[in-house]
Amino acid sequence: MSHVTGCLLKTTLTPFLYPFTHAELLSATQFARQLGPSRRRTACLRRSSTTTTNTTKHDPPPLDEARSQHLNPPPESYSLTPFTDNCTVTVHTGSGGHGCVSFLREKFIAHGPPNGGDGGSGGNIYIQAVRGETSLHKIARRREVKAGRGKNGQGSDIGGKRGEDILIQVPVGTVVREIGRMDPLTIEEQEFWEEVSHKRKKNVIGDEEDEDAMVNATIPGMRRREKWLLFPSADPSIVVRHGLPELPKPRRSNLAAACPSSPVHLDLDTHMESPIILAAGAMGGLGNPHFLSKDFPRPKFATKGDPGMKLMLHMELKLLADVGLVGLPNAGKSTLLRSISNSRARVGNWAFTTLQPNIGTIVLDNYKGRSKLESLARKSNRTRFTIADIPGVIEDAHLNKGLGLSFLRHIERAAVLAFVIDLSAGPAVPALKALWKEVGEYESIRAHELAEQTEERTLTAYHPFHSQPQDSELVDPFGEQNTDPMLIGAPRKLPPLVLPPVSAKPWFVVATKADLPGTRGNFEELVRYIDVLARGREQHPSGKKNGWKRDVRCVPISAIKGEGVERIPDLVLDLLDG
């Protein structure tokens, strides 16, 4: 019987459950028999030797080879990290939850007092500048940021929970400016004071003379009537016939006092340990116990929560670096950054290799022994500094040629400028003058923009809550056709940014590719020009009167070999501390 069961298992169950197992096992067994024991042993040895070869293949290279690969990496390491330096984002604060209409019901208490809870307040929007962030691409992808809505109130005097708060983390050096806002609570406040003014007129003027004013006064009242929430079993006609109590004044959250004043203009230039509130959430509705009175012993109504505010912001990142590298395309800026730091900036032997700014950090004190700065008796206990590498600037870049001058915003906050000149690409002095010409044009453009913004700000007074623009002046930054003046006091222009002139910053010249033949004479001519400039016999290359001309130095290096770059940190420290 067992023999019959084994045959059935072989012929019936196994092919039925695993249709390919039997045939594959049979072919593998036949191949193993043909191979023989000696050939199997040889194949195993061959496989083990291959594994050993692959293992030794991934051993770390020698130190000199690793440094060479860092300065001149293979093509597979040419990768771009996501980077965005300006974006527009719309933030929505959370709306408030609705109040609850409820009554106490217990044993022997059929019609108890009202006990509906208030609605929860909406979520707030917070912002924080942190060191770990280097780009705005995460915020640019979202486009809209919405805080959570407050929960509705419940019976037994249980209030609704607050809405979920939203934290926006941005890089250090981000400038946040308001483009427009839509605050429904501001409109409600205006309607409330319109009703108050009409009631005062009615008390002073007779009923017949104020008939037209009363007709106009009912329009705001109808809008505010939409805020009521009725009990499900209540008949709306009966409630309207008996009337509704007066709505309380529009309420704002206590956190609204901690929000920045409108229009928002924040310059987040330092690391923030704790976030700050950007916009406060709306207040929740009131439960029916708030309307208990002699006229309404059993109020069957509550109020709805206030809608949240809509705020459109423009964020612009200005990298906070101690040194800014300025140079023509393919001058060796990225290679220089890799040679003096552990930055993995994208390098290559073609123009416009760098398409986005890179930041490198030079560590001066590795906390081994006494600090180098203490030994040199520096003014500040600086242990590191940062260098920003921006895309190359070509001639007539201020006319939007090449990548334009948009990336020069990242050197506006740099304390020191380093002009990188390629000695093998032609005369160095005209190249330096061409770079300074574009920087000077950029400075002139920024000064012109600042003058226009200042003039318009002095001509147009901004009143966020006490004035309302005419219909012809209404601007809708959200792109919606809205004849109703929902945008109260939206700023016409963004506030100006006050930044020091770029030409007044300390600067020096880094002459790259000095190891190539035929570059010695070019370097000597550059040194003579800088010496004449430092003595005041030559006009500043930017054409500005207050340009920095004292203590200008020139350092010859070979960035791809790492030669001469050790002089740059000491030079930067002298300029930073001076």
Protein backbone atom coordinates (compact mmCIF):
# COMPACT_ATOMS: atom_id res chain seq x y z
CA MET A 1 0.00 0.00 0.00
CA SER A 2 2.85 2.39 0.81
CA HIS A 3 4.46 1.60 -2.54
CA VAL A 4 1.24 2.48 -4.32
CA THR A 5 0.99 5.76 -2.36
CA GLY A 6 4.57 6.70 -3.30
CA CYS A 7 3.84 6.04 -6.97
CA LEU A 8 0.72 8.17 -6.79
CA LEU A 9 2.65 11.00 -5.19
CA LYS A 10 5.31 10.88 -7.90
CA THR A 11 3.00 10.66 -10.86
CA THR A 12 -0.03 12.64 -9.74
CA LEU A 13 0.47 15.16 -6.95
CA THR A 14 3.95 16.47 -7.73
CA PRO A 15 3.37 17.44 -11.41
CA PHE A 16 -0.04 18.82 -10.48
CA LEU A 17 1.24 21.10 -7.72
CA TYR A 18 4.63 22.00 -9.23
CA PRO A 19 4.41 21.48 -12.99
CA PHE A 20 8.02 22.49 -13.74
CA THR A 21 9.89 20.94 -10.80
CA HIS A 22 10.09 17.33 -12.01
CA ALA A 23 11.46 18.13 -15.48
CA GLU A 24 14.02 20.65 -14.25
CA LEU A 25 15.25 18.30 -11.51
CA LEU A 26 15.69 15.50 -14.03
CA SER A 27 17.72 17.66 -16.45
CA ALA A 28 19.94 18.98 -13.65
CA THR A 29 20.67 15.43 -12.41
CA GLN A 30 21.66 14.26 -15.89
CA PHE A 31 24.00 17.27 -16.33
CA ALA A 32 25.69 16.57 -12.96
CA ARG A 33 26.32 12.94 -13.87
CA GLN A 34 27.90 13.92 -17.20
CA LEU A 35 30.11 16.55 -15.54
CA GLY A 36 31.92 14.14 -13.24
CA PRO A 37 33.57 14.78 -9.87
CA SER A 38 36.84 16.30 -11.18
CA ARG A 39 35.16 18.87 -13.42
CA ARG A 40 32.78 19.88 -10.64
CA ARG A 41 35.74 20.49 -8.36
CA THR A 42 37.41 22.67 -11.03
CA ALA A 43 34.26 24.74 -11.53
CA CYS A 44 34.01 25.38 -7.79
CA LEU A 45 37.63 26.52 -7.69
CA ARG A 46 37.03 28.80 -10.66
CA ARG A 47 34.04 30.36 -8.98
CA SER A 48 35.96 30.92 -5.74
CA SER A 49 38.82 32.62 -7.60
CA THR A 50 36.37 34.88 -9.38
CA THR A 51 34.86 35.87 -6.08
CA THR A 52 38.30 36.66 -4.68
CA THR A 53 39.09 38.84 -7.66
CA ASN A 54 35.86 40.77 -7.30
CA THR A 55 36.53 41.28 -3.61
CA THR A 56 39.98 42.70 -4.15
CA LYS A 57 38.58 44.91 -6.86
CA HIS A 58 36.70 47.04 -4.30
CA ASP A 59 39.63 47.63 -1.99
CA PRO A 60 40.18 51.32 -1.18
CA PRO A 61 42.70 53.03 -3.50
CA PRO A 62 45.92 54.59 -2.16
CA LEU A 63 45.81 58.07 -0.68
CA ASP A 64 47.39 59.85 -3.66
CA GLU A 65 45.06 58.09 -6.05
CA ALA A 66 42.03 58.97 -3.93
CA ARG A 67 43.00 62.66 -3.91
CA SER A 68 43.53 62.58 -7.66
CA GLN A 69 40.08 61.09 -8.14
CA HIS A 70 38.61 63.75 -5.86
CA LEU A 71 40.14 66.62 -7.86
CA ASN A 72 39.56 65.02 -11.27
CA PRO A 73 36.62 62.63 -10.80
CA PRO A 74 35.46 60.08 -13.39
CA PRO A 75 32.41 60.90 -15.52
CA GLU A 76 30.08 58.66 -13.52
CA SER A 77 30.32 61.05 -10.55
CA TYR A 78 28.96 63.95 -12.62
CA SER A 79 25.59 64.20 -10.94
CA LEU A 80 23.34 67.13 -10.16
CA THR A 81 21.57 67.53 -6.84
CA PRO A 82 18.14 69.20 -6.87
CA PHE A 83 18.46 72.91 -6.22
CA THR A 84 15.97 75.79 -6.22
CA ASP A 85 16.88 79.26 -5.00
CA ASN A 86 13.50 80.99 -5.37
CA CYS A 87 9.91 79.85 -5.36
CA THR A 88 6.37 81.02 -4.71
CA VAL A 89 4.25 79.14 -2.20
CA THR A 90 0.68 79.62 -0.98
CA VAL A 91 -0.01 78.85 2.68
CA HIS A 92 -3.46 78.23 4.12
CA THR A 93 -4.07 78.47 7.83
CA GLY A 94 -6.52 75.99 9.29
CA SER A 95 -10.20 76.85 9.49
CA GLY A 96 -11.96 76.67 12.84
CA GLY A 97 -14.29 73.84 13.77
CA HIS A 98 -18.02 74.41 14.20
CA GLY A 99 -19.68 74.87 17.56
CA CYS A 100 -22.03 72.17 18.81
CA VAL A 101 -25.77 72.40 19.59
CA SER A 102 -26.45 69.97 22.42
CA PHE A 103 -28.55 69.73 25.57
CA LEU A 104 -28.09 67.83 28.80
CA ARG A 105 -30.22 64.70 29.03
CA GLU A 106 -30.14 62.56 32.16
CA LYS A 107 -32.53 60.58 34.26
CA PHE A 108 -35.41 62.74 35.42
CA ILE A 109 -34.01 65.61 33.27
CA ALA A 110 -35.76 65.50 29.92
CA HIS A 111 -34.95 69.05 28.86
CA GLY A 112 -31.64 70.00 30.37
CA PRO A 113 -29.55 73.11 29.83
CA PRO A 114 -27.36 73.57 26.71
CA ASN A 115 -23.96 71.89 26.88
CA GLY A 116 -22.54 72.13 23.35
CA GLY A 117 -18.78 72.52 23.13
CA ASP A 118 -16.86 75.11 21.13
CA GLY A 119 -15.09 74.24 17.90
CA GLY A 120 -11.34 73.83 17.86
CA SER A 121 -9.11 76.51 16.39
CA GLY A 122 -7.37 75.92 13.08
CA GLY A 123 -3.76 74.92 12.66
CA ASN A 124 -0.99 77.52 12.55
CA ILE A 125 1.83 77.97 10.02
CA TYR A 126 5.35 78.12 11.46
CA ILE A 127 8.66 78.79 9.72
CA GLN A 128 12.20 77.94 10.79
CA ALA A 129 15.62 78.46 9.22
CA VAL A 130 17.92 75.48 9.78
CA ARG A 131 21.49 74.78 8.77
CA GLY A 132 20.79 71.35 7.31
CA GLU A 133 18.68 72.70 4.43
CA THR A 134 20.49 73.98 1.34
CA SER A 135 17.70 74.40 -1.20
CA LEU A 136 14.06 75.42 -1.58
CA HIS A 137 13.15 72.56 -3.95
CA LYS A 138 11.10 70.72 -1.31
CA ILE A 139 8.85 73.73 -0.81
CA ALA A 140 8.68 74.51 -4.52
CA ARG A 141 7.32 71.03 -5.20
CA ARG A 142 4.46 71.45 -2.75
CA ARG A 143 3.29 74.87 -4.05
CA GLU A 144 0.52 74.89 -1.45
CA VAL A 145 0.84 74.29 2.29
CA LYS A 146 -2.38 73.75 4.23
CA ALA A 147 -2.72 73.51 7.99
CA GLY A 148 -5.27 71.21 9.59
CA ARG A 149 -8.86 72.20 10.25
CA GLY A 150 -10.11 72.36 13.83
CA LYS A 151 -12.46 69.61 14.98
CA ASN A 152 -16.10 70.34 15.70
CA GLY A 153 -17.33 70.68 19.27
CA GLN A 154 -19.21 67.85 20.95
CA GLY A 155 -21.84 67.44 23.63
CA SER A 156 -21.13 67.46 27.37
CA ASP A 157 -19.16 70.71 26.91
CA ILE A 158 -16.37 68.91 25.03
CA GLY A 159 -14.46 71.33 22.86
CA GLY A 160 -13.01 70.38 19.51
CA LYS A 161 -9.33 69.60 19.08
CA ARG A 162 -6.98 72.06 17.47
CA GLY A 163 -6.00 71.60 13.86
CA GLU A 164 -2.60 70.21 12.96
CA ASP A 165 0.16 72.81 12.73
CA ILE A 166 2.53 72.99 9.75
CA LEU A 167 6.26 73.70 10.06
CA ILE A 168 8.11 75.05 7.02
CA GLN A 169 11.87 74.58 7.23
CA VAL A 170 13.99 76.74 4.93
CA PRO A 171 17.75 77.20 4.50
CA VAL A 172 19.57 79.87 6.44
CA GLY A 173 19.69 83.00 4.29
CA THR A 174 16.13 82.79 2.97
CA VAL A 175 14.22 86.02 2.41
CA VAL A 176 10.44 85.66 2.75
CA ARG A 177 8.26 88.38 1.23
CA GLU A 178 4.51 88.66 0.96
CA ILE A 179 2.89 88.91 -2.46
CA GLY A 180 -0.77 88.89 -1.44
CA ARG A 181 -3.22 87.73 1.17
CA MET A 182 -6.91 86.95 1.50
CA ASP A 183 -8.18 87.21 5.06
CA PRO A 184 -11.93 86.61 5.44
CA LEU A 185 -11.81 87.76 9.05
CA THR A 186 -10.72 91.24 7.92
CA ILE A 187 -13.83 91.49 5.74
CA GLU A 188 -15.98 90.31 8.64
CA GLU A 189 -14.50 92.98 10.86
CA GLN A 190 -15.31 95.65 8.29
CA GLU A 191 -18.90 94.38 7.97
CA PHE A 192 -19.27 94.42 11.74
CA TRP A 193 -18.19 98.04 12.02
CA GLU A 194 -20.42 98.96 9.08
CA GLU A 195 -23.40 97.56 10.99
CA VAL A 196 -22.37 99.49 14.09
CA SER A 197 -22.10 102.73 12.15
CA HIS A 198 -25.50 102.21 10.50
CA LYS A 199 -27.15 101.57 13.87
CA ARG A 200 -25.64 104.76 15.22
CA LYS A 201 -26.98 106.69 12.24
CA LYS A 202 -30.43 105.22 12.82
CA ASN A 203 -30.47 106.48 16.39
CA VAL A 204 -29.49 109.97 15.28
CA ILE A 205 -31.53 110.29 12.06
CA GLY A 206 -35.22 109.60 11.70
CA ASP A 207 -36.58 106.34 10.35
CA GLU A 208 -37.90 107.92 7.11
CA GLU A 209 -34.65 109.66 6.29
CA ASP A 210 -32.59 106.54 7.03
CA GLU A 211 -34.68 104.14 4.94
CA ASP A 212 -32.03 103.84 2.21
CA ALA A 213 -29.32 103.38 4.80
CA MET A 214 -31.26 100.52 6.39
CA VAL A 215 -31.56 98.77 3.03
CA ASN A 216 -27.81 98.97 2.59
CA ALA A 217 -27.28 97.86 6.19
CA THR A 218 -29.12 94.58 5.61
CA ILE A 219 -26.50 93.42 3.10
CA PRO A 220 -23.70 92.94 5.66
CA GLY A 221 -26.20 91.39 8.07
CA MET A 222 -27.22 88.78 5.53
CA ARG A 223 -23.59 87.80 5.06
CA ARG A 224 -23.08 87.43 8.79
CA ARG A 225 -26.30 85.40 9.05
CA GLU A 226 -24.53 82.60 7.17
CA LYS A 227 -22.37 81.99 10.24
CA TRP A 228 -25.24 80.46 12.21
CA LEU A 229 -25.56 76.70 12.62
CA LEU A 230 -29.05 75.41 13.51
CA PHE A 231 -30.11 72.36 15.49
CA PRO A 232 -31.09 69.48 13.14
CA SER A 233 -34.67 69.30 14.47
CA ALA A 234 -35.15 73.07 14.48
CA ASP A 235 -37.43 74.66 11.89
CA PRO A 236 -35.50 77.47 10.12
CA SER A 237 -38.67 79.51 9.52
CA ILE A 238 -39.51 79.49 13.24
CA VAL A 239 -35.95 80.43 14.19
CA VAL A 240 -35.95 83.32 11.72
CA ARG A 241 -39.38 84.48 12.90
CA HIS A 242 -38.29 84.63 16.51
CA GLY A 243 -35.02 86.18 15.49
CA LEU A 244 -31.42 85.42 16.23
CA PRO A 245 -29.20 87.05 18.81
CA GLU A 246 -26.46 89.39 17.78
CA LEU A 247 -23.26 87.77 16.75
CA PRO A 248 -20.27 88.51 18.94
CA LYS A 249 -17.42 90.56 17.59
CA PRO A 250 -15.05 88.82 15.18
CA ARG A 251 -12.37 87.04 17.16
CA ARG A 252 -8.72 86.50 16.40
CA SER A 253 -6.38 84.03 17.99
CA ASN A 254 -4.05 85.29 20.70
CA LEU A 255 -1.18 84.01 18.58
CA ALA A 256 -2.07 86.53 15.87
CA ALA A 257 -0.29 89.18 17.94
CA ALA A 258 2.97 87.21 17.59
CA CYS A 259 2.70 87.00 13.78
CA PRO A 260 4.84 89.35 11.66
CA SER A 261 3.03 92.49 10.58
CA SER A 262 1.61 92.71 7.07
CA PRO A 263 3.12 92.78 4.53
CA VAL A 264 5.40 89.96 5.66
CA HIS A 265 9.11 90.60 5.15
CA LEU A 266 11.47 88.21 6.92
CA ASP A 267 15.22 87.94 6.49
CA LEU A 268 16.15 84.60 8.05
CA ASP A 269 19.91 85.05 8.10
CA THR A 270 20.68 83.07 11.27
CA HIS A 271 20.01 79.54 12.46
CA MET A 272 16.83 79.33 14.54
CA GLU A 273 16.64 76.96 17.48
CA SER A 274 12.86 77.29 17.63
CA PRO A 275 10.41 78.24 14.86
CA ILE A 276 8.42 81.45 14.70
CA ILE A 277 4.75 81.72 13.83
CA LEU A 278 4.03 82.96 10.33
CA ALA A 279 0.23 82.90 10.29
CA ALA A 280 -2.25 82.00 13.04
CA GLY A 281 -5.16 79.64 12.48
CA ALA A 282 -8.79 80.76 12.58
CA MET A 283 -10.94 80.58 15.68
CA GLY A 284 -13.53 77.87 16.18
CA GLY A 285 -17.27 78.43 16.42
CA LEU A 286 -19.16 78.98 19.65
CA GLY A 287 -21.39 76.33 21.20
CA ASN A 288 -25.01 77.02 22.14
CA PRO A 289 -24.26 77.71 25.88
CA HIS A 290 -22.82 81.09 24.80
CA PHE A 291 -26.27 82.23 23.64
CA LEU A 292 -28.24 81.24 26.73
CA SER A 293 -30.32 84.21 27.88
CA LYS A 294 -33.78 85.21 29.09
CA ASP A 295 -34.98 85.52 25.50
CA PHE A 296 -33.39 82.23 24.45
CA PRO A 297 -33.67 79.70 27.31
CA ARG A 298 -33.04 76.79 24.93
CA PRO A 299 -30.83 78.10 22.13
CA LYS A 300 -30.96 75.72 19.18
CA PHE A 301 -28.18 77.38 17.29
CA ALA A 302 -24.41 77.73 17.36
CA THR A 303 -21.85 79.47 15.15
CA LYS A 304 -19.64 78.08 12.45
CA GLY A 305 -15.88 78.24 12.63
CA ASP A 306 -14.05 81.07 10.90
CA PRO A 307 -12.40 80.26 7.55
CA GLY A 308 -8.63 80.24 7.40
CA MET A 309 -6.42 82.87 5.84
CA LYS A 310 -4.74 82.48 2.46
CA LEU A 311 -1.25 83.94 2.12
CA MET A 312 0.99 83.94 -0.95
CA LEU A 313 4.71 84.19 -0.23
CA HIS A 314 7.81 84.55 -2.37
CA MET A 315 10.93 82.88 -0.99
CA GLU A 316 14.39 83.78 -2.23
CA LEU A 317 17.54 82.03 -1.07
CA LYS A 318 20.70 84.08 -0.73
CA LEU A 319 23.45 81.72 0.31
CA LEU A 320 25.32 82.77 3.42
CA ALA A 321 28.95 82.13 2.53
CA ASP A 322 32.08 83.85 3.74
CA VAL A 323 33.74 83.74 0.31
CA GLY A 324 32.10 83.93 -3.11
CA LEU A 325 33.86 82.59 -6.20
CA VAL A 326 33.35 84.67 -9.36
CA GLY A 327 34.84 83.65 -12.69
CA LEU A 328 34.31 82.92 -16.34
CA PRO A 329 33.02 79.50 -17.39
CA ASN A 330 35.58 76.68 -17.21
CA ALA A 331 37.98 78.81 -15.15
CA GLY A 332 38.43 76.09 -12.50
CA LYS A 333 36.13 77.36 -9.74
CA SER A 334 34.63 73.96 -8.94
CA THR A 335 38.03 72.27 -9.02
CA LEU A 336 39.33 74.95 -6.65
CA LEU A 337 36.41 74.28 -4.32
CA ARG A 338 37.16 70.54 -4.35
CA SER A 339 40.88 71.11 -3.73
CA ILE A 340 40.47 73.14 -0.53
CA SER A 341 37.39 71.37 0.85
CA ASN A 342 35.65 68.01 0.76
CA SER A 343 32.98 69.35 -1.56
CA ARG A 344 31.87 67.08 -4.39
CA ALA A 345 31.02 69.88 -6.79
CA ARG A 346 30.44 68.81 -10.39
CA VAL A 347 33.58 69.40 -12.52
CA GLY A 348 34.34 68.86 -16.19
CA ASN A 349 36.39 70.15 -19.10
CA TRP A 350 33.58 72.14 -20.68
CA ALA A 351 31.86 75.46 -20.13
CA PHE A 352 28.93 75.83 -17.74
CA THR A 353 29.69 72.63 -15.87
CA THR A 354 28.26 74.29 -12.76
CA LEU A 355 24.58 74.98 -13.25
CA GLN A 356 23.72 75.65 -9.61
CA PRO A 357 25.62 77.10 -6.64
CA ASN A 358 27.73 74.82 -4.47
CA ILE A 359 28.87 75.38 -0.89
CA GLY A 360 32.13 74.09 0.56
CA THR A 361 33.32 74.30 4.17
CA ILE A 362 36.97 74.72 5.10
CA VAL A 363 37.67 73.44 8.61
CA LEU A 364 40.52 75.32 10.29
CA ASP A 365 40.41 73.68 13.69
CA ASN A 366 39.96 69.92 13.96
CA TYR A 367 40.05 70.11 17.78
CA LYS A 368 43.42 68.35 17.95
CA GLY A 369 45.73 70.23 20.27
CA ARG A 370 45.67 74.00 20.43
CA SER A 371 43.66 75.97 17.93
CA LYS A 372 45.53 77.45 15.01
CA LEU A 373 43.63 80.68 15.44
CA GLU A 374 44.65 81.03 19.08
CA SER A 375 48.27 80.57 18.14
CA LEU A 376 47.99 83.31 15.54
CA ALA A 377 46.11 85.60 17.97
CA ARG A 378 43.18 86.21 15.64
CA LYS A 379 40.46 88.69 16.50
CA SER A 380 37.70 86.07 16.28
CA ASN A 381 37.65 82.43 17.31
CA ARG A 382 36.71 81.29 13.83
CA THR A 383 37.14 77.57 13.34
CA ARG A 384 35.78 77.31 9.78
CA PHE A 385 34.54 79.34 6.85
CA THR A 386 32.42 78.58 3.80
CA ILE A 387 32.94 79.18 0.08
CA ALA A 388 30.17 79.55 -2.50
CA ASP A 389 30.81 78.47 -6.06
CA ILE A 390 28.34 80.03 -8.50
CA PRO A 391 27.89 79.35 -12.25
CA GLY A 392 30.21 81.13 -14.64
CA VAL A 393 29.60 84.73 -15.67
CA ILE A 394 30.20 85.64 -19.30
CA GLU A 395 30.54 89.00 -21.02
CA ASP A 396 27.24 90.94 -21.29
CA ALA A 397 25.64 88.66 -18.71
CA HIS A 398 23.67 91.68 -17.45
CA LEU A 399 21.88 91.57 -20.83
CA ASN A 400 20.66 88.06 -19.89
CA LYS A 401 23.31 86.26 -21.92
CA GLY A 402 24.50 82.86 -20.76
CA LEU A 403 22.93 82.15 -17.38
CA GLY A 404 22.47 85.86 -16.73
CA LEU A 405 23.19 87.56 -13.44
CA SER A 406 20.54 85.78 -11.38
CA PHE A 407 23.12 83.67 -9.54
CA LEU A 408 25.09 86.73 -8.44
CA ARG A 409 22.52 87.18 -5.68
CA HIS A 410 24.37 84.41 -3.83
CA ILE A 411 27.50 86.55 -3.43
CA GLU A 412 25.63 89.63 -2.18
CA ARG A 413 26.03 88.40 1.38
CA ALA A 414 29.56 87.03 0.95
CA ALA A 415 32.07 88.90 3.09
CA VAL A 416 34.94 88.35 0.63
CA LEU A 417 34.96 87.92 -3.15
CA ALA A 418 37.47 85.68 -4.93
CA PHE A 419 37.86 86.26 -8.69
CA VAL A 420 39.06 83.08 -10.39
CA ILE A 421 41.12 83.81 -13.54
CA ASP A 422 42.32 81.12 -15.97
CA LEU A 423 45.91 82.00 -16.96
CA SER A 424 45.82 79.66 -19.96
CA ALA A 425 42.68 81.19 -21.50
CA GLY A 426 44.22 84.48 -22.65
CA PRO A 427 45.18 87.84 -21.12
CA ALA A 428 44.24 87.85 -17.44
CA VAL A 429 43.80 91.61 -16.95
CA PRO A 430 40.97 92.02 -19.51
CA ALA A 431 39.28 88.93 -18.05
CA LEU A 432 39.37 90.46 -14.56
CA LYS A 433 38.00 93.76 -15.86
CA ALA A 434 35.20 91.96 -17.71
CA LEU A 435 34.15 90.14 -14.54
CA TRP A 436 34.16 93.34 -12.51
CA LYS A 437 32.16 95.07 -15.23
CA GLU A 438 29.35 92.50 -14.92
CA VAL A 439 29.44 92.70 -11.12
CA GLY A 440 29.23 96.50 -11.36
CA GLU A 441 26.28 96.28 -13.76
CA TYR A 442 24.55 93.92 -11.37
CA GLU A 443 25.12 96.36 -8.52
CA SER A 444 23.67 99.21 -10.63
CA ILE A 445 20.59 97.13 -11.47
CA ARG A 446 20.02 96.34 -7.80
CA ALA A 447 20.45 100.00 -6.84
CA HIS A 448 17.93 101.04 -9.49
CA GLU A 449 15.40 98.49 -8.25
CA LEU A 450 15.89 99.68 -4.68
CA ALA A 451 15.34 103.30 -5.70
CA GLU A 452 12.10 102.44 -7.52
CA GLN A 453 10.74 100.45 -4.61
CA THR A 454 11.64 103.19 -2.13
CA GLU A 455 9.98 105.87 -4.28
CA GLU A 456 6.77 103.91 -4.71
CA ARG A 457 6.66 103.06 -1.03
CA THR A 458 6.87 106.75 -0.11
CA LEU A 459 4.15 107.71 -2.61
CA THR A 460 1.70 104.96 -1.71
CA ALA A 461 0.82 104.66 1.95
CA TYR A 462 -0.03 101.16 3.09
CA HIS A 463 -2.96 100.69 5.52
CA PRO A 464 -3.73 96.99 6.04
CA PHE A 465 -7.01 97.37 7.96
CA HIS A 466 -8.13 101.01 7.64
CA SER A 467 -8.32 101.51 3.89
CA GLN A 468 -9.83 99.64 1.00
CA PRO A 469 -8.62 100.01 -2.60
CA GLN A 470 -10.94 101.05 -5.36
CA ASP A 471 -12.31 98.50 -7.82
CA SER A 472 -9.84 99.65 -10.46
CA GLU A 473 -6.94 99.19 -8.02
CA LEU A 474 -7.80 95.69 -6.87
CA VAL A 475 -5.05 93.20 -7.59
CA ASP A 476 -5.68 89.48 -7.30
CA PRO A 477 -2.30 87.73 -6.93
CA PHE A 478 -4.01 84.33 -6.85
CA GLY A 479 -5.13 84.67 -10.48
CA GLU A 480 -8.86 84.51 -9.72
CA GLN A 481 -11.58 86.67 -11.22
CA ASN A 482 -12.99 88.28 -8.11
CA THR A 483 -15.02 91.46 -8.24
CA ASP A 484 -15.68 91.30 -4.51
CA PRO A 485 -12.86 93.10 -2.66
CA MET A 486 -11.50 90.03 -0.88
CA LEU A 487 -7.92 91.25 -0.99
CA ILE A 488 -7.74 93.91 1.69
CA GLY A 489 -4.56 95.93 1.65
CA ALA A 490 -2.58 93.58 -0.59
CA PRO A 491 0.89 95.08 -1.11
CA ARG A 492 1.44 96.56 -4.55
CA LYS A 493 5.21 96.07 -4.48
CA LEU A 494 7.51 93.89 -2.44
CA PRO A 495 9.55 95.61 0.26
CA PRO A 496 13.11 96.45 -0.77
CA LEU A 497 16.10 94.49 0.43
CA VAL A 498 18.84 96.59 1.99
CA LEU A 499 22.21 95.03 1.17
CA PRO A 500 25.73 96.53 1.13
CA PRO A 501 27.30 97.31 -2.29
CA VAL A 502 29.23 94.44 -3.80
CA SER A 503 32.11 96.62 -5.03
CA ALA A 504 32.92 97.71 -1.47
CA LYS A 505 33.68 94.15 -0.32
CA PRO A 506 37.26 92.90 0.14
CA TRP A 507 38.44 90.77 -2.78
CA PHE A 508 41.45 88.91 -4.12
CA VAL A 509 42.41 87.05 -7.30
CA VAL A 510 43.06 83.34 -7.69
CA ALA A 511 45.11 82.61 -10.82
CA THR A 512 44.37 79.00 -11.78
CA LYS A 513 46.25 76.61 -14.11
CA ALA A 514 49.54 78.30 -13.26
CA ASP A 515 51.37 75.01 -13.84
CA LEU A 516 50.78 75.12 -17.60
CA PRO A 517 53.62 76.39 -19.82
CA GLY A 518 53.42 79.96 -21.08
CA THR A 519 51.41 81.33 -18.16
CA ARG A 520 54.24 83.02 -16.25
CA GLY A 521 54.19 86.24 -18.27
CA ASN A 522 50.41 86.45 -18.03
CA PHE A 523 50.61 86.13 -14.26
CA GLU A 524 53.32 88.80 -13.95
CA GLU A 525 51.19 91.23 -15.97
CA LEU A 526 48.23 90.52 -13.64
CA VAL A 527 50.39 91.16 -10.57
CA ARG A 528 51.59 94.49 -11.99
CA TYR A 529 48.00 95.61 -12.66
CA ILE A 530 46.91 94.71 -9.11
CA ASP A 531 49.91 96.57 -7.67
CA VAL A 532 49.04 99.71 -9.64
CA LEU A 533 45.39 99.34 -8.56
CA ALA A 534 46.33 99.01 -4.88
CA ARG A 535 48.41 102.21 -5.05
CA GLY A 536 45.42 104.17 -6.32
CA ARG A 537 46.84 104.92 -9.76
CA GLU A 538 44.11 102.96 -11.54
CA GLN A 539 40.34 103.26 -11.35
CA HIS A 540 38.45 100.41 -9.74
CA PRO A 541 37.60 97.84 -12.44
CA SER A 542 33.89 98.05 -11.59
CA GLY A 543 33.82 101.80 -12.23
CA LYS A 544 32.49 102.53 -8.72
CA LYS A 545 34.07 105.27 -6.65
CA ASN A 546 33.90 103.43 -3.34
CA GLY A 547 35.30 100.17 -4.66
CA TRP A 548 37.74 98.17 -2.53
CA LYS A 549 41.33 98.73 -3.73
CA ARG A 550 43.54 98.27 -0.71
CA ASP A 551 45.32 95.04 0.20
CA VAL A 552 44.38 93.22 -3.02
CA ARG A 553 46.43 90.06 -3.55
CA CYS A 554 46.88 87.46 -6.25
CA VAL A 555 47.53 83.75 -5.57
CA PRO A 556 48.82 81.42 -8.33
CA ILE A 557 47.63 77.82 -7.96
CA SER A 558 47.14 74.54 -9.77
CA ALA A 559 43.79 73.35 -8.50
CA ILE A 560 43.80 69.98 -10.26
CA LYS A 561 47.14 69.15 -8.62
CA GLY A 562 46.33 70.80 -5.31
CA GLU A 563 49.40 73.06 -5.45
CA GLY A 564 49.37 76.56 -3.97
CA VAL A 565 45.89 76.24 -2.47
CA GLU A 566 47.24 76.10 1.09
CA ARG A 567 47.80 79.87 0.99
CA ILE A 568 44.13 80.67 0.41
CA PRO A 569 42.77 79.94 3.95
CA ASP A 570 45.26 82.31 5.61
CA LEU A 571 44.51 85.00 3.05
CA VAL A 572 40.76 84.64 3.58
CA LEU A 573 41.19 84.85 7.36
CA ASP A 574 43.19 88.07 7.03
CA LEU A 575 40.42 89.65 4.95
CA LEU A 576 37.62 88.35 7.17
CA ASP A 577 39.23 89.50 10.41
CA GLY A 578 40.53 92.74 8.92
